[in-house]
Amino acid sequence: MESIPLSEKEMRAHAPGEALTLAAVLAVLAIALLAIVAYKIWSSGGGGSAKLPGGWQFTWK
């Protein structure tokens, strides 16, 4: 694969940081999902279950 240098105009138009923003948003969503599951476990008292999309199911006694 041959690389082609960018012109000054193309370099100024390039906006880095998009991948970092996407990773931060996905991390926040994952943490929020885990917090919801942990809260359901903590607030259930004796036992219960949590069902997540994709067929994931957690059961505790």
PDB file of N, CA and C in Angstrom:
ATOM      1  N   MET A   1       0.846  -1.164   0.000  1.00  0.00           N
ATOM      2  CA  MET A   1       0.000   0.000   0.000  1.00  0.00           C
ATOM      3  C   MET A   1       0.900   1.238   0.000  1.00  0.00           C
ATOM      4  N   GLU A   2       0.616   2.146  -0.887  1.00  0.00           N
ATOM      5  CA  GLU A   2       1.433   3.348  -1.035  1.00  0.00           C
ATOM      6  C   GLU A   2       0.772   4.505  -0.294  1.00  0.00           C
ATOM      7  N   SER A   3       1.544   5.214   0.501  1.00  0.00           N
ATOM      8  CA  SER A   3       0.992   6.353   1.235  1.00  0.00           C
ATOM      9  C   SER A   3       1.132   7.624   0.419  1.00  0.00           C
ATOM     10  N   ILE A   4       0.130   8.499   0.526  1.00  0.00           N
ATOM     11  CA  ILE A   4       0.128   9.770  -0.180  1.00  0.00           C
ATOM     12  C   ILE A   4       0.115  10.881   0.861  1.00  0.00           C
ATOM     13  N   PRO A   5       1.089  11.785   0.831  1.00  0.00           N
ATOM     14  CA  PRO A   5       1.111  12.875   1.815  1.00  0.00           C
ATOM     15  C   PRO A   5      -0.094  13.799   1.643  1.00  0.00           C
ATOM     16  N   LEU A   6      -0.606  14.299   2.768  1.00  0.00           N
ATOM     17  CA  LEU A   6      -1.733  15.218   2.726  1.00  0.00           C
ATOM     18  C   LEU A   6      -1.252  16.633   2.425  1.00  0.00           C
ATOM     19  N   SER A   7      -2.112  17.393   1.760  1.00  0.00           N
ATOM     20  CA  SER A   7      -1.789  18.796   1.519  1.00  0.00           C
ATOM     21  C   SER A   7      -2.055  19.584   2.805  1.00  0.00           C
ATOM     22  N   GLU A   8      -1.617  20.833   2.819  1.00  0.00           N
ATOM     23  CA  GLU A   8      -1.843  21.687   3.997  1.00  0.00           C
ATOM     24  C   GLU A   8      -3.335  21.855   4.267  1.00  0.00           C
ATOM     25  N   LYS A   9      -4.115  22.008   3.210  1.00  0.00           N
ATOM     26  CA  LYS A   9      -5.570  22.174   3.366  1.00  0.00           C
ATOM     27  C   LYS A   9      -6.196  20.918   3.967  1.00  0.00           C
ATOM     28  N   GLU A  10      -5.769  19.746   3.504  1.00  0.00           N
ATOM     29  CA  GLU A  10      -6.292  18.483   4.022  1.00  0.00           C
ATOM     30  C   GLU A  10      -5.870  18.268   5.474  1.00  0.00           C
ATOM     31  N   MET A  11      -4.647  18.681   5.795  1.00  0.00           N
ATOM     32  CA  MET A  11      -4.171  18.517   7.174  1.00  0.00           C
ATOM     33  C   MET A  11      -4.954  19.416   8.132  1.00  0.00           C
ATOM     34  N   ARG A  12      -5.311  20.628   7.700  1.00  0.00           N
ATOM     35  CA  ARG A  12      -6.098  21.521   8.549  1.00  0.00           C
ATOM     36  C   ARG A  12      -7.534  21.030   8.709  1.00  0.00           C
ATOM     37  N   ALA A  13      -8.055  20.328   7.706  1.00  0.00           N
ATOM     38  CA  ALA A  13      -9.436  19.830   7.755  1.00  0.00           C
ATOM     39  C   ALA A  13      -9.559  18.568   8.610  1.00  0.00           C
ATOM     40  N   HIS A  14      -8.450  17.894   8.854  1.00  0.00           N
ATOM     41  CA  HIS A  14      -8.476  16.653   9.639  1.00  0.00           C
ATOM     42  C   HIS A  14      -8.747  16.975  11.109  1.00  0.00           C
ATOM     43  N   ALA A  15      -9.722  16.283  11.696  1.00  0.00           N
ATOM     44  CA  ALA A  15     -10.094  16.530  13.096  1.00  0.00           C
ATOM     45  C   ALA A  15      -9.775  15.298  13.935  1.00  0.00           C
ATOM     46  N   PRO A  16      -8.613  15.253  14.588  1.00  0.00           N
ATOM     47  CA  PRO A  16      -8.296  14.100  15.425  1.00  0.00           C
ATOM     48  C   PRO A  16      -9.131  14.106  16.701  1.00  0.00           C
ATOM     49  N   GLY A  17      -9.213  12.989  17.327  1.00  0.00           N
ATOM     50  CA  GLY A  17      -9.917  12.894  18.598  1.00  0.00           C
ATOM     51  C   GLY A  17     -11.266  12.222  18.488  1.00  0.00           C
ATOM     52  N   GLU A  18     -11.702  11.887  17.287  1.00  0.00           N
ATOM     53  CA  GLU A  18     -13.009  11.254  17.133  1.00  0.00           C
ATOM     54  C   GLU A  18     -13.023   9.867  17.766  1.00  0.00           C
ATOM     55  N   ALA A  19     -11.943   9.126  17.610  1.00  0.00           N
ATOM     56  CA  ALA A  19     -11.867   7.788  18.192  1.00  0.00           C
ATOM     57  C   ALA A  19     -11.863   7.863  19.718  1.00  0.00           C
ATOM     58  N   LEU A  20     -11.184   8.856  20.261  1.00  0.00           N
ATOM     59  CA  LEU A  20     -11.155   9.032  21.711  1.00  0.00           C
ATOM     60  C   LEU A  20     -12.543   9.375  22.248  1.00  0.00           C
ATOM     61  N   THR A  21     -13.262  10.211  21.543  1.00  0.00           N
ATOM     62  CA  THR A  21     -14.618  10.567  21.955  1.00  0.00           C
ATOM     63  C   THR A  21     -15.530   9.347  21.916  1.00  0.00           C
ATOM     64  N   LEU A  22     -15.450   8.566  20.855  1.00  0.00           N
ATOM     65  CA  LEU A  22     -16.268   7.365  20.741  1.00  0.00           C
ATOM     66  C   LEU A  22     -15.938   6.372  21.848  1.00  0.00           C
ATOM     67  N   ALA A  23     -14.664   6.196  22.139  1.00  0.00           N
ATOM     68  CA  ALA A  23     -14.255   5.286  23.208  1.00  0.00           C
ATOM     69  C   ALA A  23     -14.766   5.773  24.558  1.00  0.00           C
ATOM     70  N   ALA A  24     -14.737   7.076  24.795  1.00  0.00           N
ATOM     71  CA  ALA A  24     -15.227   7.622  26.067  1.00  0.00           C
ATOM     72  C   ALA A  24     -16.726   7.415  26.202  1.00  0.00           C
ATOM     73  N   VAL A  25     -17.474   7.629  25.139  1.00  0.00           N
ATOM     74  CA  VAL A  25     -18.933   7.430  25.185  1.00  0.00           C
ATOM     75  C   VAL A  25     -19.259   5.969  25.437  1.00  0.00           C
ATOM     76  N   LEU A  26     -18.574   5.057  24.755  1.00  0.00           N
ATOM     77  CA  LEU A  26     -18.824   3.625  24.966  1.00  0.00           C
ATOM     78  C   LEU A  26     -18.454   3.199  26.381  1.00  0.00           C
ATOM     79  N   ALA A  27     -17.379   3.759  26.931  1.00  0.00           N
ATOM     80  CA  ALA A  27     -16.992   3.431  28.307  1.00  0.00           C
ATOM     81  C   ALA A  27     -18.051   3.903  29.297  1.00  0.00           C
ATOM     82  N   VAL A  28     -18.587   5.101  29.095  1.00  0.00           N
ATOM     83  CA  VAL A  28     -19.627   5.612  29.984  1.00  0.00           C
ATOM     84  C   VAL A  28     -20.876   4.746  29.895  1.00  0.00           C
ATOM     85  N   LEU A  29     -21.254   4.332  28.700  1.00  0.00           N
ATOM     86  CA  LEU A  29     -22.431   3.464  28.552  1.00  0.00           C
ATOM     87  C   LEU A  29     -22.215   2.106  29.221  1.00  0.00           C
ATOM     88  N   ALA A  30     -21.024   1.542  29.089  1.00  0.00           N
ATOM     89  CA  ALA A  30     -20.737   0.251  29.723  1.00  0.00           C
ATOM     90  C   ALA A  30     -20.773   0.379  31.243  1.00  0.00           C
ATOM     91  N   ILE A  31     -20.212   1.447  31.772  1.00  0.00           N
ATOM     92  CA  ILE A  31     -20.233   1.663  33.218  1.00  0.00           C
ATOM     93  C   ILE A  31     -21.659   1.858  33.714  1.00  0.00           C
ATOM     94  N   ALA A  32     -22.472   2.578  32.946  1.00  0.00           N
ATOM     95  CA  ALA A  32     -23.872   2.788  33.337  1.00  0.00           C
ATOM     96  C   ALA A  32     -24.632   1.456  33.356  1.00  0.00           C
ATOM     97  N   LEU A  33     -24.392   0.612  32.364  1.00  0.00           N
ATOM     98  CA  LEU A  33     -25.056  -0.692  32.323  1.00  0.00           C
ATOM     99  C   LEU A  33     -24.641  -1.553  33.510  1.00  0.00           C
ATOM    100  N   LEU A  34     -23.357  -1.564  33.830  1.00  0.00           N
ATOM    101  CA  LEU A  34     -22.893  -2.327  34.985  1.00  0.00           C
ATOM    102  C   LEU A  34     -23.449  -1.758  36.292  1.00  0.00           C
ATOM    103  N   ALA A  35     -23.590  -0.452  36.381  1.00  0.00           N
ATOM    104  CA  ALA A  35     -24.150   0.159  37.589  1.00  0.00           C
ATOM    105  C   ALA A  35     -25.610  -0.237  37.767  1.00  0.00           C
ATOM    106  N   ILE A  36     -26.349  -0.314  36.680  1.00  0.00           N
ATOM    107  CA  ILE A  36     -27.758  -0.724  36.769  1.00  0.00           C
ATOM    108  C   ILE A  36     -27.877  -2.160  37.246  1.00  0.00           C
ATOM    109  N   VAL A  37     -27.048  -3.045  36.691  1.00  0.00           N
ATOM    110  CA  VAL A  37     -27.081  -4.452  37.119  1.00  0.00           C
ATOM    111  C   VAL A  37     -26.668  -4.573  38.580  1.00  0.00           C
ATOM    112  N   ALA A  38     -25.635  -3.845  38.989  1.00  0.00           N
ATOM    113  CA  ALA A  38     -25.192  -3.892  40.388  1.00  0.00           C
ATOM    114  C   ALA A  38     -26.274  -3.355  41.319  1.00  0.00           C
ATOM    115  N   TYR A  39     -26.966  -2.317  40.909  1.00  0.00           N
ATOM    116  CA  TYR A  39     -28.050  -1.774  41.740  1.00  0.00           C
ATOM    117  C   TYR A  39     -29.195  -2.769  41.871  1.00  0.00           C
ATOM    118  N   LYS A  40     -29.527  -3.460  40.771  1.00  0.00           N
ATOM    119  CA  LYS A  40     -30.587  -4.468  40.846  1.00  0.00           C
ATOM    120  C   LYS A  40     -30.202  -5.586  41.806  1.00  0.00           C
ATOM    121  N   ILE A  41     -28.939  -6.000  41.777  1.00  0.00           N
ATOM    122  CA  ILE A  41     -28.471  -7.045  42.695  1.00  0.00           C
ATOM    123  C   ILE A  41     -28.535  -6.542  44.126  1.00  0.00           C
ATOM    124  N   TRP A  42     -28.065  -5.332  44.361  1.00  0.00           N
ATOM    125  CA  TRP A  42     -27.997  -4.769  45.718  1.00  0.00           C
ATOM    126  C   TRP A  42     -29.397  -4.511  46.289  1.00  0.00           C
ATOM    127  N   SER A  43     -30.323  -4.042  45.456  1.00  0.00           N
ATOM    128  CA  SER A  43     -31.644  -3.673  45.961  1.00  0.00           C
ATOM    129  C   SER A  43     -32.609  -4.853  46.038  1.00  0.00           C
ATOM    130  N   SER A  44     -32.239  -6.002  45.493  1.00  0.00           N
ATOM    131  CA  SER A  44     -33.183  -7.119  45.464  1.00  0.00           C
ATOM    132  C   SER A  44     -33.354  -7.789  46.824  1.00  0.00           C
ATOM    133  N   GLY A  45     -32.398  -7.641  47.713  1.00  0.00           N
ATOM    134  CA  GLY A  45     -32.536  -8.248  49.031  1.00  0.00           C
ATOM    135  C   GLY A  45     -32.129  -9.707  49.039  1.00  0.00           C
ATOM    136  N   GLY A  46     -33.094 -10.605  48.882  1.00  0.00           N
ATOM    137  CA  GLY A  46     -32.825 -12.032  48.992  1.00  0.00           C
ATOM    138  C   GLY A  46     -32.269 -12.675  47.748  1.00  0.00           C
ATOM    139  N   GLY A  47     -32.793 -12.389  46.628  1.00  0.00           N
ATOM    140  CA  GLY A  47     -32.352 -13.027  45.391  1.00  0.00           C
ATOM    141  C   GLY A  47     -33.126 -12.464  44.230  1.00  0.00           C
ATOM    142  N   GLY A  48     -32.694 -12.802  43.057  1.00  0.00           N
ATOM    143  CA  GLY A  48     -33.376 -12.311  41.878  1.00  0.00           C
ATOM    144  C   GLY A  48     -32.581 -12.603  40.629  1.00  0.00           C
ATOM    145  N   SER A  49     -32.916 -11.875  39.583  1.00  0.00           N
ATOM    146  CA  SER A  49     -32.216 -12.067  38.322  1.00  0.00           C
ATOM    147  C   SER A  49     -32.209 -10.767  37.536  1.00  0.00           C
ATOM    148  N   ALA A  50     -31.295 -10.700  36.605  1.00  0.00           N
ATOM    149  CA  ALA A  50     -31.209  -9.566  35.694  1.00  0.00           C
ATOM    150  C   ALA A  50     -31.067 -10.109  34.286  1.00  0.00           C
ATOM    151  N   LYS A  51     -31.910  -9.637  33.383  1.00  0.00           N
ATOM    152  CA  LYS A  51     -31.848 -10.067  31.989  1.00  0.00           C
ATOM    153  C   LYS A  51     -31.426  -8.883  31.138  1.00  0.00           C
ATOM    154  N   LEU A  52     -30.404  -9.103  30.310  1.00  0.00           N
ATOM    155  CA  LEU A  52     -29.887  -8.066  29.431  1.00  0.00           C
ATOM    156  C   LEU A  52     -30.127  -8.458  27.978  1.00  0.00           C
ATOM    157  N   PRO A  53     -30.170  -7.475  27.088  1.00  0.00           N
ATOM    158  CA  PRO A  53     -30.326  -7.804  25.670  1.00  0.00           C
ATOM    159  C   PRO A  53     -29.185  -8.688  25.178  1.00  0.00           C
ATOM    160  N   GLY A  54     -29.493  -9.562  24.261  1.00  0.00           N
ATOM    161  CA  GLY A  54     -28.473 -10.451  23.717  1.00  0.00           C
ATOM    162  C   GLY A  54     -28.457 -11.813  24.391  1.00  0.00           C
ATOM    163  N   GLY A  55     -29.415 -12.069  25.274  1.00  0.00           N
ATOM    164  CA  GLY A  55     -29.495 -13.368  25.920  1.00  0.00           C
ATOM    165  C   GLY A  55     -28.713 -13.491  27.207  1.00  0.00           C
ATOM    166  N   TRP A  56     -28.121 -12.415  27.694  1.00  0.00           N
ATOM    167  CA  TRP A  56     -27.379 -12.464  28.964  1.00  0.00           C
ATOM    168  C   TRP A  56     -28.359 -12.480  30.117  1.00  0.00           C
ATOM    169  N   GLN A  57     -28.144 -13.405  31.041  1.00  0.00           N
ATOM    170  CA  GLN A  57     -29.010 -13.500  32.220  1.00  0.00           C
ATOM    171  C   GLN A  57     -28.161 -13.816  33.439  1.00  0.00           C
ATOM    172  N   PHE A  58     -28.378 -13.059  34.510  1.00  0.00           N
ATOM    173  CA  PHE A  58     -27.678 -13.267  35.774  1.00  0.00           C
ATOM    174  C   PHE A  58     -28.692 -13.616  36.837  1.00  0.00           C
ATOM    175  N   THR A  59     -28.399 -14.641  37.619  1.00  0.00           N
ATOM    176  CA  THR A  59     -29.292 -15.060  38.701  1.00  0.00           C
ATOM    177  C   THR A  59     -28.467 -15.168  39.980  1.00  0.00           C
ATOM    178  N   TRP A  60     -29.008 -14.648  41.057  1.00  0.00           N
ATOM    179  CA  TRP A  60     -28.325 -14.716  42.346  1.00  0.00           C
ATOM    180  C   TRP A  60     -29.325 -15.157  43.397  1.00  0.00           C
ATOM    181  N   LYS A  61     -28.791 -15.822  44.429  1.00  0.00           N
ATOM    182  CA  LYS A  61     -29.644 -16.358  45.495  1.00  0.00           C
ATOM    183  C   LYS A  61     -29.129 -15.920  46.832  1.00  0.00           C
TER     184      LYS A  61
END
